[in-house]
Amino acid sequence: MQLEIRPDPAEVGRARRWARSRLTGLGIGADEPLAETLVLLVSELVTNAVVHTGRPAVLRLYLPGSAPEPAPDPASGAPGAAGATDPAATDPAATDPAASATVRLEVADTSSRAPVPRCVGGDATGGRGLALVDCLADRWGWHAEGSGKSIWCELDRCSQSREGASPAYGGGLPAYEDFAFEAV
């Protein structure tokens, strides 16, 4: 299932509401940690697409029991939490909805620029979106799509409790010290 996103910051709220309604329809409560985390990830990735490209984007959500997506070319992706390889290309559970309890989110835009690390100071009001994605998602990455790209992340419904966003905001051991990622 997918939602067309206009290049307007107000679309971020609409994308969150849309994702919540899809999860509720699947029986995943709005107060479940999976739902809260997924909605935050939707917010971060859609914000990046809207703010950094100024062009329309597409939000895609693949839920357990929905049709699997075609596997992208893993050679074109940048490493995420578990590397550049798209698990759908190598993991049979990723293509068998009955065996998978993974929720996958993708935001495709028309910018071909890859996510690039950038340095943000402690007082910066932005620049931590993909650092949050890295901390919260079980896997994430990107691949070229048409003339643009798609940034994806996955959450396993049955995975262990996550550390949360504290590493991205200075708690615990930060994954990237003063680096964050900018998706443009």
Protein backbone atom coordinates (compact mmCIF):
# COMPACT_ATOMS: atom_id res chain seq x y z
CA MET A 1 0.00 0.00 0.00
CA GLN A 2 1.23 3.48 -0.73
CA LEU A 3 0.48 7.15 -0.21
CA GLU A 4 1.43 9.93 -2.59
CA ILE A 5 3.15 12.79 -0.73
CA ARG A 6 3.05 16.39 -1.99
CA PRO A 7 6.12 18.59 -1.40
CA ASP A 8 4.47 20.33 1.58
CA PRO A 9 5.55 19.98 5.24
CA ALA A 10 1.87 19.49 6.22
CA GLU A 11 2.05 16.14 4.42
CA VAL A 12 4.16 14.73 7.25
CA GLY A 13 1.15 14.76 9.60
CA ARG A 14 -1.05 13.20 6.93
CA ALA A 15 1.55 10.45 6.40
CA ARG A 16 1.61 9.69 10.15
CA ARG A 17 -2.20 9.47 10.30
CA TRP A 18 -2.25 7.22 7.23
CA ALA A 19 0.37 4.86 8.71
CA ARG A 20 -1.50 4.70 12.05
CA SER A 21 -4.75 3.79 10.28
CA ARG A 22 -3.03 1.00 8.32
CA LEU A 23 -1.54 -0.46 11.50
CA THR A 24 -4.87 -0.25 13.33
CA GLY A 25 -6.54 -2.08 10.44
CA LEU A 26 -4.04 -4.88 10.93
CA GLY A 27 -4.75 -5.09 14.65
CA ILE A 28 -1.57 -3.33 15.79
CA GLY A 29 -2.64 -0.92 18.54
CA ALA A 30 -1.54 2.73 18.39
CA ASP A 31 0.07 2.35 21.82
CA GLU A 32 2.16 -0.70 20.88
CA PRO A 33 5.89 0.12 20.74
CA LEU A 34 6.00 -1.09 17.13
CA ALA A 35 3.32 1.41 16.10
CA GLU A 36 4.90 4.31 17.96
CA THR A 37 8.32 3.57 16.48
CA LEU A 38 6.95 3.08 12.96
CA VAL A 39 5.05 6.38 13.08
CA LEU A 40 8.24 8.17 14.21
CA LEU A 41 10.17 6.57 11.35
CA VAL A 42 7.45 7.62 8.87
CA SER A 43 7.72 11.15 10.20
CA GLU A 44 11.51 11.25 9.84
CA LEU A 45 11.72 9.76 6.34
CA VAL A 46 8.80 11.76 4.92
CA THR A 47 10.20 14.97 6.45
CA ASN A 48 13.57 14.28 4.80
CA ALA A 49 11.94 13.74 1.41
CA VAL A 50 9.73 16.84 1.64
CA VAL A 51 12.30 19.21 3.12
CA HIS A 52 15.42 18.15 1.22
CA THR A 53 13.97 17.55 -2.25
CA GLY A 54 10.99 19.92 -2.45
CA ARG A 55 9.39 17.37 -4.79
CA PRO A 56 6.60 14.81 -4.49
CA ALA A 57 7.41 11.47 -2.87
CA VAL A 58 5.74 8.12 -2.29
CA LEU A 59 5.37 6.46 1.11
CA ARG A 60 5.05 2.68 0.94
CA LEU A 61 4.15 0.41 3.81
CA TYR A 62 4.51 -3.37 3.64
CA LEU A 63 2.78 -5.11 6.52
CA PRO A 64 2.75 -8.78 7.50
CA GLY A 65 0.36 -10.52 5.12
CA SER A 66 0.67 -7.90 2.37
CA ALA A 67 2.22 -8.69 -1.00
CA PRO A 68 6.02 -8.61 -1.02
CA GLU A 69 7.83 -5.91 -2.97
CA PRO A 70 10.35 -6.59 -5.72
CA ALA A 71 13.93 -6.78 -4.46
CA PRO A 72 16.07 -3.74 -5.39
CA ASP A 73 19.63 -3.94 -6.65
CA PRO A 74 21.64 -4.36 -3.42
CA ALA A 75 24.81 -3.02 -5.05
CA SER A 76 23.35 0.49 -5.16
CA GLY A 77 22.47 0.83 -1.46
CA ALA A 78 24.42 2.47 1.33
CA PRO A 79 24.95 0.58 4.56
CA GLY A 80 22.29 0.94 7.19
CA ALA A 81 22.03 -0.80 10.53
CA ALA A 82 22.72 -4.19 8.95
CA GLY A 83 24.48 -3.29 5.71
CA ALA A 84 23.45 -2.36 2.21
CA THR A 85 21.95 -5.67 1.21
CA ASP A 86 18.18 -5.68 0.98
CA PRO A 87 16.98 -8.63 3.10
CA ALA A 88 14.12 -9.33 0.67
CA ALA A 89 16.74 -10.45 -1.82
CA THR A 90 18.25 -13.12 0.44
CA ASP A 91 15.81 -13.95 3.25
CA PRO A 92 12.96 -16.30 2.33
CA ALA A 93 10.89 -14.99 5.27
CA ALA A 94 11.01 -11.53 3.68
CA THR A 95 9.09 -12.82 0.65
CA ASP A 96 6.71 -15.14 2.51
CA PRO A 97 4.10 -12.99 4.30
CA ALA A 98 3.00 -15.89 6.49
CA ALA A 99 6.52 -16.39 7.82
CA SER A 100 7.27 -12.71 8.31
CA ALA A 101 6.30 -10.41 11.14
CA THR A 102 8.35 -7.57 9.68
CA VAL A 103 6.94 -4.16 8.83
CA ARG A 104 8.77 -2.39 6.01
CA LEU A 105 8.53 1.29 5.26
CA GLU A 106 9.91 3.01 2.16
CA VAL A 107 9.93 6.61 1.04
CA ALA A 108 10.80 7.11 -2.62
CA ASP A 109 11.64 10.51 -4.05
CA THR A 110 13.00 11.86 -7.32
CA SER A 111 16.38 13.00 -6.01
CA SER A 112 19.22 10.71 -7.00
CA ARG A 113 21.52 12.01 -4.24
CA ALA A 114 22.46 9.35 -1.71
CA PRO A 115 22.12 9.89 2.03
CA VAL A 116 25.37 11.59 3.13
CA PRO A 117 26.82 11.90 6.62
CA ARG A 118 27.00 15.43 7.96
CA CYS A 119 28.17 16.90 11.20
CA VAL A 120 25.64 18.50 13.57
CA GLY A 121 26.39 20.22 16.84
CA GLY A 122 24.59 19.56 20.08
CA ASP A 123 22.52 22.75 19.71
CA ALA A 124 21.38 22.03 16.14
CA THR A 125 17.61 21.79 15.71
CA GLY A 126 17.79 19.34 12.82
CA GLY A 127 20.04 16.85 11.12
CA ARG A 128 19.34 13.77 13.23
CA GLY A 129 16.62 12.08 11.16
CA LEU A 130 18.58 9.18 9.74
CA ALA A 131 20.56 8.79 12.96
CA LEU A 132 17.18 8.12 14.59
CA VAL A 133 16.31 5.68 11.83
CA ASP A 134 19.61 3.90 12.41
CA CYS A 135 18.92 3.63 16.15
CA LEU A 136 15.27 2.59 15.93
CA ALA A 137 14.98 0.37 12.86
CA ASP A 138 16.10 -3.25 12.83
CA ARG A 139 17.51 -2.66 9.33
CA TRP A 140 17.64 0.26 6.93
CA GLY A 141 19.26 1.25 3.68
CA TRP A 142 18.57 2.83 0.32
CA HIS A 143 18.61 1.94 -3.34
CA ALA A 144 18.28 3.73 -6.65
CA GLU A 145 14.75 3.77 -8.00
CA GLY A 146 14.06 5.16 -11.44
CA SER A 147 15.63 8.62 -11.61
CA GLY A 148 15.58 8.92 -7.81
CA LYS A 149 16.02 6.74 -4.74
CA SER A 150 14.10 4.89 -2.08
CA ILE A 151 15.12 4.91 1.57
CA TRP A 152 13.74 1.91 3.45
CA CYS A 153 13.68 0.59 6.97
CA GLU A 154 12.27 -2.50 8.63
CA LEU A 155 10.91 -3.25 12.09
CA ASP A 156 10.52 -6.79 13.34
CA ARG A 157 7.35 -7.07 15.37
CA CYS A 158 8.87 -9.75 17.59
CA SER A 159 12.32 -8.23 18.05
CA GLN A 160 13.86 -7.53 21.42
CA SER A 161 13.26 -4.20 23.10
CA ARG A 162 15.16 -1.43 21.33
CA GLU A 163 17.53 1.02 22.97
CA GLY A 164 15.36 3.81 21.65
CA ALA A 165 16.61 7.13 20.38
CA SER A 166 18.99 7.86 23.27
CA PRO A 167 22.19 7.20 21.25
CA ALA A 168 21.06 9.72 18.62
CA TYR A 169 20.52 12.34 21.30
CA GLY A 170 23.65 11.78 23.34
CA GLY A 171 22.50 9.08 25.79
CA GLY A 172 24.44 5.84 25.98
CA LEU A 173 27.17 5.24 23.42
CA PRO A 174 26.46 7.42 20.38
CA ALA A 175 26.68 5.56 17.11
CA TYR A 176 27.97 8.53 15.15
CA GLU A 177 29.30 11.02 17.73
CA ASP A 178 28.64 14.38 16.02
CA PHE A 179 27.55 12.88 12.69
CA ALA A 180 24.04 12.55 11.33
CA PHE A 181 22.75 11.64 7.92
CA GLU A 182 21.07 13.95 5.48
CA ALA A 183 18.83 12.40 2.86
CA VAL A 184 18.72 14.65 -0.20
